[in-house]
C-alpha atoms as a PDB file:
ATOM      1  CA  UNK A   1      12.445  16.885  32.036  1.00  0.00           C
ATOM      2  CA  UNK A   2       8.958  15.741  32.856  1.00  0.00           C
ATOM      3  CA  UNK A   3       8.194  11.907  31.939  1.00  0.00           C
ATOM      4  CA  UNK A   4       6.171  11.479  28.862  1.00  0.00           C
ATOM      5  CA  UNK A   5       2.647  10.452  29.368  1.00  0.00           C
ATOM      6  CA  UNK A   6       1.038   8.116  26.744  1.00  0.00           C
ATOM      7  CA  UNK A   7      -2.729   7.879  26.777  1.00  0.00           C
ATOM      8  CA  UNK A   8      -4.586   4.561  26.340  1.00  0.00           C
ATOM      9  CA  UNK A   9      -5.361   3.557  22.529  1.00  0.00           C
ATOM     10  CA  UNK A  10      -4.142   1.585  19.551  1.00  0.00           C
ATOM     11  CA  UNK A  11      -0.537   0.210  20.470  1.00  0.00           C
ATOM     12  CA  UNK A  12      -0.421   0.971  23.899  1.00  0.00           C
ATOM     13  CA  UNK A  13       0.352  -2.735  24.837  1.00  0.00           C
ATOM     14  CA  UNK A  14       3.250  -2.668  22.267  1.00  0.00           C
ATOM     15  CA  UNK A  15       4.346   0.665  23.622  1.00  0.00           C
ATOM     16  CA  UNK A  16       4.376  -0.719  27.356  1.00  0.00           C
ATOM     17  CA  UNK A  17       6.249  -3.669  26.387  1.00  0.00           C
ATOM     18  CA  UNK A  18       8.911  -1.476  24.863  1.00  0.00           C
ATOM     19  CA  UNK A  19       9.582  -0.074  28.358  1.00  0.00           C
ATOM     20  CA  UNK A  20      10.458  -3.426  29.623  1.00  0.00           C
ATOM     21  CA  UNK A  21      13.438  -4.212  27.116  1.00  0.00           C
ATOM     22  CA  UNK A  22      16.780  -4.675  28.974  1.00  0.00           C
ATOM     23  CA  UNK A  23      18.699  -2.281  26.634  1.00  0.00           C
ATOM     24  CA  UNK A  24      17.081   1.222  27.230  1.00  0.00           C
ATOM     25  CA  UNK A  25      18.047   2.825  23.763  1.00  0.00           C
ATOM     26  CA  UNK A  26      16.384  -0.139  21.923  1.00  0.00           C
ATOM     27  CA  UNK A  27      13.369   0.316  24.037  1.00  0.00           C
ATOM     28  CA  UNK A  28      13.491   4.159  23.478  1.00  0.00           C
ATOM     29  CA  UNK A  29      13.530   3.651  19.662  1.00  0.00           C
ATOM     30  CA  UNK A  30      10.580   1.426  19.696  1.00  0.00           C
ATOM     31  CA  UNK A  31       8.525   3.851  21.801  1.00  0.00           C
ATOM     32  CA  UNK A  32       9.570   6.475  19.431  1.00  0.00           C
ATOM     33  CA  UNK A  33       8.369   4.548  16.439  1.00  0.00           C
ATOM     34  CA  UNK A  34       5.004   3.659  18.050  1.00  0.00           C
ATOM     35  CA  UNK A  35       4.276   7.199  19.308  1.00  0.00           C
ATOM     36  CA  UNK A  36       4.816   8.330  15.615  1.00  0.00           C
ATOM     37  CA  UNK A  37       2.574   5.534  14.442  1.00  0.00           C
ATOM     38  CA  UNK A  38      -0.239   6.675  16.835  1.00  0.00           C
ATOM     39  CA  UNK A  39      -0.366  10.066  15.193  1.00  0.00           C
ATOM     40  CA  UNK A  40      -2.870  10.871  12.320  1.00  0.00           C
ATOM     41  CA  UNK A  41      -1.402   9.090   9.012  1.00  0.00           C
ATOM     42  CA  UNK A  42      -2.788  11.296   6.740  1.00  0.00           C
ATOM     43  CA  UNK A  43      -4.298   8.455   4.767  1.00  0.00           C
ATOM     44  CA  UNK A  44      -7.462   9.560   3.087  1.00  0.00           C
ATOM     45  CA  UNK A  45     -10.674   8.203   4.326  1.00  0.00           C
ATOM     46  CA  UNK A  46     -12.945   9.739   1.777  1.00  0.00           C
ATOM     47  CA  UNK A  47     -11.931   7.407  -1.039  1.00  0.00           C
ATOM     48  CA  UNK A  48     -11.888   3.744  -1.973  1.00  0.00           C
ATOM     49  CA  UNK A  49      -8.038   2.640  -1.812  1.00  0.00           C
ATOM     50  CA  UNK A  50      -7.390   0.064  -4.715  1.00  0.00           C
ATOM     51  CA  UNK A  51      -5.089  -1.807  -2.230  1.00  0.00           C
ATOM     52  CA  UNK A  52      -8.160  -2.671  -0.161  1.00  0.00           C
ATOM     53  CA  UNK A  53     -10.429  -3.396  -2.980  1.00  0.00           C
ATOM     54  CA  UNK A  54      -8.516  -5.948  -4.332  1.00  0.00           C
ATOM     55  CA  UNK A  55      -8.560  -8.078  -1.153  1.00  0.00           C
ATOM     56  CA  UNK A  56     -10.697 -11.243  -1.026  1.00  0.00           C
ATOM     57  CA  UNK A  57     -12.135  -9.940   2.380  1.00  0.00           C
ATOM     58  CA  UNK A  58     -13.141  -6.421   0.999  1.00  0.00           C
ATOM     59  CA  UNK A  59     -16.588  -5.656   2.551  1.00  0.00           C
ATOM     60  CA  UNK A  60     -18.521  -3.230   0.814  1.00  0.00           C
ATOM     61  CA  UNK A  61     -20.689  -2.390   3.980  1.00  0.00           C
ATOM     62  CA  UNK A  62     -17.478  -1.441   5.823  1.00  0.00           C
ATOM     63  CA  UNK A  63     -16.414   0.719   2.770  1.00  0.00           C
ATOM     64  CA  UNK A  64     -19.648   2.389   2.945  1.00  0.00           C
ATOM     65  CA  UNK A  65     -19.444   3.250   6.563  1.00  0.00           C
ATOM     66  CA  UNK A  66     -15.750   4.461   6.211  1.00  0.00           C
ATOM     67  CA  UNK A  67     -16.720   6.676   3.338  1.00  0.00           C
ATOM     68  CA  UNK A  68     -19.833   8.002   5.132  1.00  0.00           C
ATOM     69  CA  UNK A  69     -17.851   8.721   8.395  1.00  0.00           C
ATOM     70  CA  UNK A  70     -14.529   9.324   6.913  1.00  0.00           C
ATOM     71  CA  UNK A  71     -12.932   7.438   9.704  1.00  0.00           C
ATOM     72  CA  UNK A  72     -11.454   3.775  10.150  1.00  0.00           C
ATOM     73  CA  UNK A  73     -12.479   1.594  12.987  1.00  0.00           C
ATOM     74  CA  UNK A  74     -10.138   1.715  16.016  1.00  0.00           C
ATOM     75  CA  UNK A  75      -9.066  -1.790  15.253  1.00  0.00           C
ATOM     76  CA  UNK A  76      -7.693  -0.990  11.888  1.00  0.00           C
ATOM     77  CA  UNK A  77      -5.146   1.735  13.477  1.00  0.00           C
ATOM     78  CA  UNK A  78      -3.512  -0.732  15.818  1.00  0.00           C
ATOM     79  CA  UNK A  79       0.161  -1.527  14.968  1.00  0.00           C
ATOM     80  CA  UNK A  80       3.334  -2.987  16.249  1.00  0.00           C
ATOM     81  CA  UNK A  81       6.972  -2.120  16.142  1.00  0.00           C
ATOM     82  CA  UNK A  82       7.560  -5.006  13.708  1.00  0.00           C
ATOM     83  CA  UNK A  83       4.980  -4.079  11.434  1.00  0.00           C
ATOM     84  CA  UNK A  84       6.090  -0.246  11.419  1.00  0.00           C
ATOM     85  CA  UNK A  85       9.690  -1.733  10.576  1.00  0.00           C
ATOM     86  CA  UNK A  86       8.385  -3.675   7.746  1.00  0.00           C
ATOM     87  CA  UNK A  87       6.700  -0.510   6.422  1.00  0.00           C
ATOM     88  CA  UNK A  88       9.834   1.387   6.639  1.00  0.00           C
ATOM     89  CA  UNK A  89      11.875  -1.155   4.809  1.00  0.00           C
ATOM     90  CA  UNK A  90       9.282  -1.052   2.065  1.00  0.00           C
ATOM     91  CA  UNK A  91       9.627   2.642   1.751  1.00  0.00           C
ATOM     92  CA  UNK A  92      13.331   2.545   1.474  1.00  0.00           C
ATOM     93  CA  UNK A  93      13.151  -0.149  -1.370  1.00  0.00           C
ATOM     94  CA  UNK A  94      10.787   2.280  -3.191  1.00  0.00           C
ATOM     95  CA  UNK A  95      13.051   5.155  -3.009  1.00  0.00           C
ATOM     96  CA  UNK A  96      16.032   3.064  -4.163  1.00  0.00           C
ATOM     97  CA  UNK A  97      14.351   1.991  -7.382  1.00  0.00           C
ATOM     98  CA  UNK A  98      12.658   5.357  -7.939  1.00  0.00           C
ATOM     99  CA  UNK A  99      16.196   7.274  -7.380  1.00  0.00           C
ATOM    100  CA  UNK A 100      17.769   4.883 -10.077  1.00  0.00           C
ATOM    101  CA  UNK A 101      14.956   5.576 -12.470  1.00  0.00           C
ATOM    102  CA  UNK A 102      14.976   9.250 -11.878  1.00  0.00           C
ATOM    103  CA  UNK A 103      18.693   9.145 -12.522  1.00  0.00           C
ATOM    104  CA  UNK A 104      18.011   7.656 -15.737  1.00  0.00           C
ATOM    105  CA  UNK A 105      15.440   9.957 -16.729  1.00  0.00           C
ATOM    106  CA  UNK A 106      12.772   7.287 -17.151  1.00  0.00           C
ATOM    107  CA  UNK A 107      10.287   8.356 -14.613  1.00  0.00           C
ATOM    108  CA  UNK A 108       7.194  10.312 -14.841  1.00  0.00           C
ATOM    109  CA  UNK A 109       4.736  11.374 -12.364  1.00  0.00           C
ATOM    110  CA  UNK A 110       3.991  14.059  -9.828  1.00  0.00           C
ATOM    111  CA  UNK A 111       7.036  15.772  -8.321  1.00  0.00           C
ATOM    112  CA  UNK A 112       7.218  17.718  -5.078  1.00  0.00           C
ATOM    113  CA  UNK A 113       9.339  20.791  -4.560  1.00  0.00           C
ATOM    114  CA  UNK A 114      10.547  20.948  -0.917  1.00  0.00           C
ATOM    115  CA  UNK A 115      11.291  24.569  -1.291  1.00  0.00           C
ATOM    116  CA  UNK A 116       7.865  26.237  -2.316  1.00  0.00           C
ATOM    117  CA  UNK A 117       5.890  22.901  -1.429  1.00  0.00           C
ATOM    118  CA  UNK A 118       4.359  22.786  -4.869  1.00  0.00           C
ATOM    119  CA  UNK A 119       3.570  19.611  -6.667  1.00  0.00           C
ATOM    120  CA  UNK A 120       3.479  19.310 -10.610  1.00  0.00           C
ATOM    121  CA  UNK A 121       3.471  16.759 -13.281  1.00  0.00           C
ATOM    122  CA  UNK A 122       6.563  15.992 -15.424  1.00  0.00           C
ATOM    123  CA  UNK A 123       7.323  13.364 -18.025  1.00  0.00           C
ATOM    124  CA  UNK A 124      11.059  12.804 -16.703  1.00  0.00           C
ATOM    125  CA  UNK A 125      13.383  14.126 -14.118  1.00  0.00           C
ATOM    126  CA  UNK A 126      12.646  18.075 -14.045  1.00  0.00           C
ATOM    127  CA  UNK A 127      15.717  20.239 -13.935  1.00  0.00           C
ATOM    128  CA  UNK A 128      13.942  22.781 -11.777  1.00  0.00           C
ATOM    129  CA  UNK A 129      10.531  23.558 -10.105  1.00  0.00           C
ATOM    130  CA  UNK A 130       7.779  24.526 -12.402  1.00  0.00           C
ATOM    131  CA  UNK A 131       6.670  27.076  -9.940  1.00  0.00           C
ATOM    132  CA  UNK A 132       9.564  28.661  -8.134  1.00  0.00           C
ATOM    133  CA  UNK A 133      12.483  27.354 -10.302  1.00  0.00           C
ATOM    134  CA  UNK A 134      14.137  25.585  -7.327  1.00  0.00           C
ATOM    135  CA  UNK A 135      16.970  23.223  -8.544  1.00  0.00           C
ATOM    136  CA  UNK A 136      16.679  19.393  -8.791  1.00  0.00           C
ATOM    137  CA  UNK A 137      18.117  18.975  -5.498  1.00  0.00           C
ATOM    138  CA  UNK A 138      14.975  20.602  -3.959  1.00  0.00           C
ATOM    139  CA  UNK A 139      12.588  18.152  -5.849  1.00  0.00           C
ATOM    140  CA  UNK A 140      11.337  14.780  -4.843  1.00  0.00           C
ATOM    141  CA  UNK A 141       9.502  12.386  -6.785  1.00  0.00           C
ATOM    142  CA  UNK A 142       5.667  12.144  -5.522  1.00  0.00           C
ATOM    143  CA  UNK A 143       4.595   9.085  -7.633  1.00  0.00           C
ATOM    144  CA  UNK A 144       1.606   8.797  -9.812  1.00  0.00           C
ATOM    145  CA  UNK A 145      -1.698   9.922  -8.530  1.00  0.00           C
ATOM    146  CA  UNK A 146      -4.578   7.645 -10.025  1.00  0.00           C
ATOM    147  CA  UNK A 147      -8.086   8.715  -9.224  1.00  0.00           C
ATOM    148  CA  UNK A 148     -11.566   7.925 -10.394  1.00  0.00           C
ATOM    149  CA  UNK A 149     -13.265  10.828  -8.895  1.00  0.00           C
ATOM    150  CA  UNK A 150     -16.851   9.701  -9.732  1.00  0.00           C
ATOM    151  CA  UNK A 151     -16.461   6.484  -8.184  1.00  0.00           C
ATOM    152  CA  UNK A 152     -14.621   7.738  -5.141  1.00  0.00           C
ATOM    153  CA  UNK A 153     -11.376   5.759  -5.755  1.00  0.00           C
ATOM    154  CA  UNK A 154      -8.170   7.006  -5.069  1.00  0.00           C
ATOM    155  CA  UNK A 155      -4.505   5.607  -5.132  1.00  0.00           C
ATOM    156  CA  UNK A 156      -1.047   6.066  -6.209  1.00  0.00           C
ATOM    157  CA  UNK A 157       1.168   3.982  -8.685  1.00  0.00           C
ATOM    158  CA  UNK A 158       4.876   3.759  -7.630  1.00  0.00           C
ATOM    159  CA  UNK A 159       5.931   4.920 -11.082  1.00  0.00           C
ATOM    160  CA  UNK A 160       5.188   5.558 -14.839  1.00  0.00           C
ATOM    161  CA  UNK A 161       7.715   5.029 -17.596  1.00  0.00           C
ATOM    162  CA  UNK A 162       6.395   6.824 -20.782  1.00  0.00           C
ATOM    163  CA  UNK A 163       8.947   5.087 -22.912  1.00  0.00           C
ATOM    164  CA  UNK A 164       7.650   1.789 -21.789  1.00  0.00           C
ATOM    165  CA  UNK A 165       3.910   2.750 -21.524  1.00  0.00           C
ATOM    166  CA  UNK A 166       4.060   1.092 -18.260  1.00  0.00           C
ATOM    167  CA  UNK A 167       3.221   1.632 -14.724  1.00  0.00           C
ATOM    168  CA  UNK A 168       5.930   0.809 -12.332  1.00  0.00           C
ATOM    169  CA  UNK A 169       5.251  -1.503  -9.037  1.00  0.00           C
ATOM    170  CA  UNK A 170       7.882  -1.923  -6.683  1.00  0.00           C
ATOM    171  CA  UNK A 171       7.543  -5.000  -4.127  1.00  0.00           C
ATOM    172  CA  UNK A 172       9.426  -6.606  -1.398  1.00  0.00           C
ATOM    173  CA  UNK A 173       8.910 -10.304  -0.817  1.00  0.00           C
ATOM    174  CA  UNK A 174       9.264 -11.977   2.356  1.00  0.00           C
ATOM    175  CA  UNK A 175       8.067 -15.307   3.952  1.00  0.00           C
ATOM    176  CA  UNK A 176       5.153 -13.324   5.630  1.00  0.00           C
ATOM    177  CA  UNK A 177       3.753 -12.492   2.360  1.00  0.00           C
ATOM    178  CA  UNK A 178       4.104 -15.879   1.053  1.00  0.00           C
ATOM    179  CA  UNK A 179       2.437 -17.395   4.053  1.00  0.00           C
ATOM    180  CA  UNK A 180      -0.488 -15.065   3.681  1.00  0.00           C
ATOM    181  CA  UNK A 181      -1.192 -15.095  -0.064  1.00  0.00           C
ATOM    182  CA  UNK A 182       0.435 -18.368  -1.331  1.00  0.00           C
ATOM    183  CA  UNK A 183       0.934 -20.733   1.579  1.00  0.00           C
ATOM    184  CA  UNK A 184       0.701 -23.944  -0.665  1.00  0.00           C
ATOM    185  CA  UNK A 185       3.759 -22.396  -2.800  1.00  0.00           C
ATOM    186  CA  UNK A 186       5.820 -21.803   0.474  1.00  0.00           C
ATOM    187  CA  UNK A 187       5.084 -25.319   1.788  1.00  0.00           C
ATOM    188  CA  UNK A 188       6.720 -26.948  -1.199  1.00  0.00           C
ATOM    189  CA  UNK A 189       9.882 -25.436  -0.113  1.00  0.00           C
ATOM    190  CA  UNK A 190       9.872 -26.369   3.582  1.00  0.00           C
ATOM    191  CA  UNK A 191      12.788 -28.908   4.441  1.00  0.00           C
ATOM    192  CA  UNK A 192      13.691 -30.658   7.513  1.00  0.00           C
ATOM    193  CA  UNK A 193      16.868 -29.265   9.258  1.00  0.00           C
ATOM    194  CA  UNK A 194      18.978 -29.723  12.459  1.00  0.00           C
ATOM    195  CA  UNK A 195      17.086 -26.339  13.492  1.00  0.00           C
ATOM    196  CA  UNK A 196      13.579 -27.634  12.643  1.00  0.00           C
ATOM    197  CA  UNK A 197      11.446 -27.056   9.401  1.00  0.00           C
ATOM    198  CA  UNK A 198      12.885 -24.109   7.389  1.00  0.00           C
ATOM    199  CA  UNK A 199      12.356 -22.852   3.821  1.00  0.00           C
ATOM    200  CA  UNK A 200      14.895 -23.635   1.036  1.00  0.00           C
ATOM    201  CA  UNK A 201      15.342 -19.952   0.120  1.00  0.00           C
ATOM    202  CA  UNK A 202      17.460 -20.748  -2.974  1.00  0.00           C
ATOM    203  CA  UNK A 203      14.950 -22.883  -4.493  1.00  0.00           C
ATOM    204  CA  UNK A 204      12.083 -20.956  -3.512  1.00  0.00           C
ATOM    205  CA  UNK A 205      13.244 -17.714  -5.007  1.00  0.00           C
ATOM    206  CA  UNK A 206      14.520 -19.700  -8.220  1.00  0.00           C
ATOM    207  CA  UNK A 207      10.777 -20.719  -8.797  1.00  0.00           C
ATOM    208  CA  UNK A 208       9.209 -17.559  -7.792  1.00  0.00           C
ATOM    209  CA  UNK A 209       8.000 -16.780 -11.368  1.00  0.00           C
ATOM    210  CA  UNK A 210       4.990 -14.262 -11.153  1.00  0.00           C
ATOM    211  CA  UNK A 211       3.844 -11.645  -8.887  1.00  0.00           C
ATOM    212  CA  UNK A 212       1.607 -12.309  -5.988  1.00  0.00           C
ATOM    213  CA  UNK A 213      -2.136 -12.537  -6.799  1.00  0.00           C
ATOM    214  CA  UNK A 214      -3.306  -9.378  -5.058  1.00  0.00           C
ATOM    215  CA  UNK A 215      -0.456  -7.273  -6.547  1.00  0.00           C
ATOM    216  CA  UNK A 216      -1.625  -8.479  -9.999  1.00  0.00           C
ATOM    217  CA  UNK A 217      -5.176  -7.373  -9.188  1.00  0.00           C
ATOM    218  CA  UNK A 218      -4.111  -4.195  -7.831  1.00  0.00           C
ATOM    219  CA  UNK A 219      -2.096  -3.075 -10.720  1.00  0.00           C
ATOM    220  CA  UNK A 220      -4.973  -4.207 -13.171  1.00  0.00           C
ATOM    221  CA  UNK A 221      -7.028  -1.665 -11.241  1.00  0.00           C
ATOM    222  CA  UNK A 222      -4.461   1.033 -11.470  1.00  0.00           C
ATOM    223  CA  UNK A 223      -4.169   0.644 -15.182  1.00  0.00           C
ATOM    224  CA  UNK A 224      -7.835   0.759 -15.724  1.00  0.00           C
ATOM    225  CA  UNK A 225      -8.161   4.038 -13.663  1.00  0.00           C
ATOM    226  CA  UNK A 226      -5.092   5.198 -15.778  1.00  0.00           C
ATOM    227  CA  UNK A 227      -6.688   4.511 -19.094  1.00  0.00           C
ATOM    228  CA  UNK A 228     -10.377   5.417 -18.274  1.00  0.00           C
ATOM    229  CA  UNK A 229      -9.947   8.321 -15.749  1.00  0.00           C
ATOM    230  CA  UNK A 230      -6.473   9.752 -16.141  1.00  0.00           C
ATOM    231  CA  UNK A 231      -5.565   9.682 -19.701  1.00  0.00           C
ATOM    232  CA  UNK A 232      -2.482   7.808 -19.039  1.00  0.00           C
ATOM    233  CA  UNK A 233      -1.577   5.108 -21.578  1.00  0.00           C
ATOM    234  CA  UNK A 234      -0.652   2.409 -19.249  1.00  0.00           C
ATOM    235  CA  UNK A 235      -0.509  -0.800 -21.481  1.00  0.00           C
ATOM    236  CA  UNK A 236       1.326  -2.966 -18.796  1.00  0.00           C
ATOM    237  CA  UNK A 237       2.843  -2.768 -15.404  1.00  0.00           C
ATOM    238  CA  UNK A 238       6.409  -3.638 -14.851  1.00  0.00           C
ATOM    239  CA  UNK A 239       7.229  -5.187 -11.339  1.00  0.00           C
ATOM    240  CA  UNK A 240      10.531  -4.823  -9.533  1.00  0.00           C
ATOM    241  CA  UNK A 241      10.660  -7.361  -6.851  1.00  0.00           C
ATOM    242  CA  UNK A 242      13.369  -7.491  -3.906  1.00  0.00           C
ATOM    243  CA  UNK A 243      13.551 -10.891  -2.083  1.00  0.00           C
ATOM    244  CA  UNK A 244      14.094  -9.802   1.584  1.00  0.00           C
ATOM    245  CA  UNK A 245      16.135 -12.830   2.903  1.00  0.00           C
ATOM    246  CA  UNK A 246      18.999 -12.429   0.109  1.00  0.00           C
ATOM    247  CA  UNK A 247      18.447  -9.053  -1.513  1.00  0.00           C
ATOM    248  CA  UNK A 248      18.060 -10.654  -5.073  1.00  0.00           C
ATOM    249  CA  UNK A 249      15.637  -9.120  -7.542  1.00  0.00           C
ATOM    250  CA  UNK A 250      13.392  -9.987 -10.230  1.00  0.00           C
ATOM    251  CA  UNK A 251      11.116  -8.348 -12.862  1.00  0.00           C
ATOM    252  CA  UNK A 252       7.836  -9.244 -14.166  1.00  0.00           C
ATOM    253  CA  UNK A 253       5.473  -7.804 -16.858  1.00  0.00           C
ATOM    254  CA  UNK A 254       1.860  -7.840 -16.491  1.00  0.00           C
ATOM    255  CA  UNK A 255      -0.184  -6.783 -19.560  1.00  0.00           C
ATOM    256  CA  UNK A 256      -3.320  -4.798 -19.029  1.00  0.00           C
ATOM    257  CA  UNK A 257      -6.615  -6.638 -19.197  1.00  0.00           C
ATOM    258  CA  UNK A 258      -9.682  -4.401 -17.991  1.00  0.00           C
ATOM    259  CA  UNK A 259     -11.869  -7.655 -17.346  1.00  0.00           C
ATOM    260  CA  UNK A 260      -9.892  -8.260 -14.066  1.00  0.00           C
ATOM    261  CA  UNK A 261     -11.235  -4.846 -12.865  1.00  0.00           C
ATOM    262  CA  UNK A 262     -14.948  -4.697 -14.057  1.00  0.00           C
ATOM    263  CA  UNK A 263     -16.421  -6.380 -10.940  1.00  0.00           C
ATOM    264  CA  UNK A 264     -14.404  -3.873  -8.732  1.00  0.00           C
ATOM    265  CA  UNK A 265     -15.621  -1.110 -10.717  1.00  0.00           C
ATOM    266  CA  UNK A 266     -19.234  -2.394 -10.442  1.00  0.00           C
ATOM    267  CA  UNK A 267     -18.996  -2.694  -6.722  1.00  0.00           C
ATOM    268  CA  UNK A 268     -17.583   0.768  -6.474  1.00  0.00           C
ATOM    269  CA  UNK A 269     -20.345   2.156  -8.520  1.00  0.00           C
ATOM    270  CA  UNK A 270     -23.066   0.505  -6.232  1.00  0.00           C
ATOM    271  CA  UNK A 271     -21.352   1.973  -3.021  1.00  0.00           C
ATOM    272  CA  UNK A 272     -21.382   5.307  -4.403  1.00  0.00           C
ATOM    273  CA  UNK A 273     -25.118   4.721  -5.314  1.00  0.00           C
ATOM    274  CA  UNK A 274     -25.721   3.970  -1.669  1.00  0.00           C
ATOM    275  CA  UNK A 275     -24.059   6.796  -0.328  1.00  0.00           C
ATOM    276  CA  UNK A 276     -26.033   9.191  -2.488  1.00  0.00           C
ATOM    277  CA  UNK A 277     -29.356   7.882  -1.033  1.00  0.00           C
ATOM    278  CA  UNK A 278     -27.928   6.894   2.187  1.00  0.00           C
ATOM    279  CA  UNK A 279     -28.864   3.442   1.977  1.00  0.00           C
ATOM    280  CA  UNK A 280     -26.392   1.051   3.617  1.00  0.00           C
ATOM    281  CA  UNK A 281     -25.725  -2.042   1.305  1.00  0.00           C
ATOM    282  CA  UNK A 282     -25.714  -5.601   2.603  1.00  0.00           C
ATOM    283  CA  UNK A 283     -22.357  -7.017   3.598  1.00  0.00           C
ATOM    284  CA  UNK A 284     -21.166  -8.800   0.537  1.00  0.00           C
ATOM    285  CA  UNK A 285     -19.129 -11.440   2.854  1.00  0.00           C
ATOM    286  CA  UNK A 286     -21.786 -12.569   5.205  1.00  0.00           C
ATOM    287  CA  UNK A 287     -25.184 -11.057   4.462  1.00  0.00           C
ATOM    288  CA  UNK A 288     -27.339  -9.513   6.789  1.00  0.00           C
ATOM    289  CA  UNK A 289     -25.277 -10.927   9.750  1.00  0.00           C
ATOM    290  CA  UNK A 290     -22.500  -8.928   8.840  1.00  0.00           C
ATOM    291  CA  UNK A 291     -18.557  -9.681   8.724  1.00  0.00           C
ATOM    292  CA  UNK A 292     -15.588  -8.632  11.100  1.00  0.00           C
ATOM    293  CA  UNK A 293     -14.957  -5.558   9.182  1.00  0.00           C
ATOM    294  CA  UNK A 294     -18.589  -3.861   8.959  1.00  0.00           C
ATOM    295  CA  UNK A 295     -19.309  -5.126  12.482  1.00  0.00           C
ATOM    296  CA  UNK A 296     -16.409  -2.945  13.792  1.00  0.00           C
ATOM    297  CA  UNK A 297     -18.300   0.105  12.668  1.00  0.00           C
ATOM    298  CA  UNK A 298     -21.458  -0.901  14.858  1.00  0.00           C
ATOM    299  CA  UNK A 299     -18.966  -1.712  17.923  1.00  0.00           C
ATOM    300  CA  UNK A 300     -17.382   2.017  17.457  1.00  0.00           C
ATOM    301  CA  UNK A 301     -21.125   3.333  17.162  1.00  0.00           C
ATOM    302  CA  UNK A 302     -21.917   1.832  20.503  1.00  0.00           C
END
């Protein structure tokens, strides 16, 4: 068999490092995962993603360029094996909770028939495909599409429970998430041990009493879209959190408050207006000088 040839591009350094690992199979697995990650993801580039909009470093000018070109800067597509492994664990956690809710008949949303490739909405676990009558074993849950088409916003919630008038959001919590979003909270639980400064997992998880801020902002935007654009009565969002270090779980409820989303809706409206007139907005993070996100598009143009 001829050896594989890997072209230069995002993830190449990580790929080459995988070839140096002492255990060949482990290295082959890493190379396989990175090869898959280098393929087009299918993630839409013609919409604003709520997960990006709620970040403190969301750049309106970068969003304008991405929507206009329908492509991300090369820097955004770089990845590592560790990052892909984290994503895979997150997918498995989602599947677990969605399977349990499906078995209970408590999950509404889009459903995908693996037999005919059709998608259809159902308020509870369907007994057969709406199009070809394939049995439940051929049907998988496809989550809850949330689109504000006039504003070019598109996303998906992890689930919707009609009985609770609630969106479902499934999260995993690890130390990396806390370091990024709530470092001051994490620091409270760092203790000196014989192995250095380590977090007290028991106390940390005991005192974790609310979802991370970005997650709250994201579900508020989801609920805004559900109520204003999808005719979906989402009065609250129910969070299911899995704690990675111990596999313990917690649930939180966040009530709908559209005031959270009004600035984001205004920003999306302004970006759409700029697209219609082909007039780039100023960078909202660093004015005329630009920030790292929008400057990447200028570098790509060069």
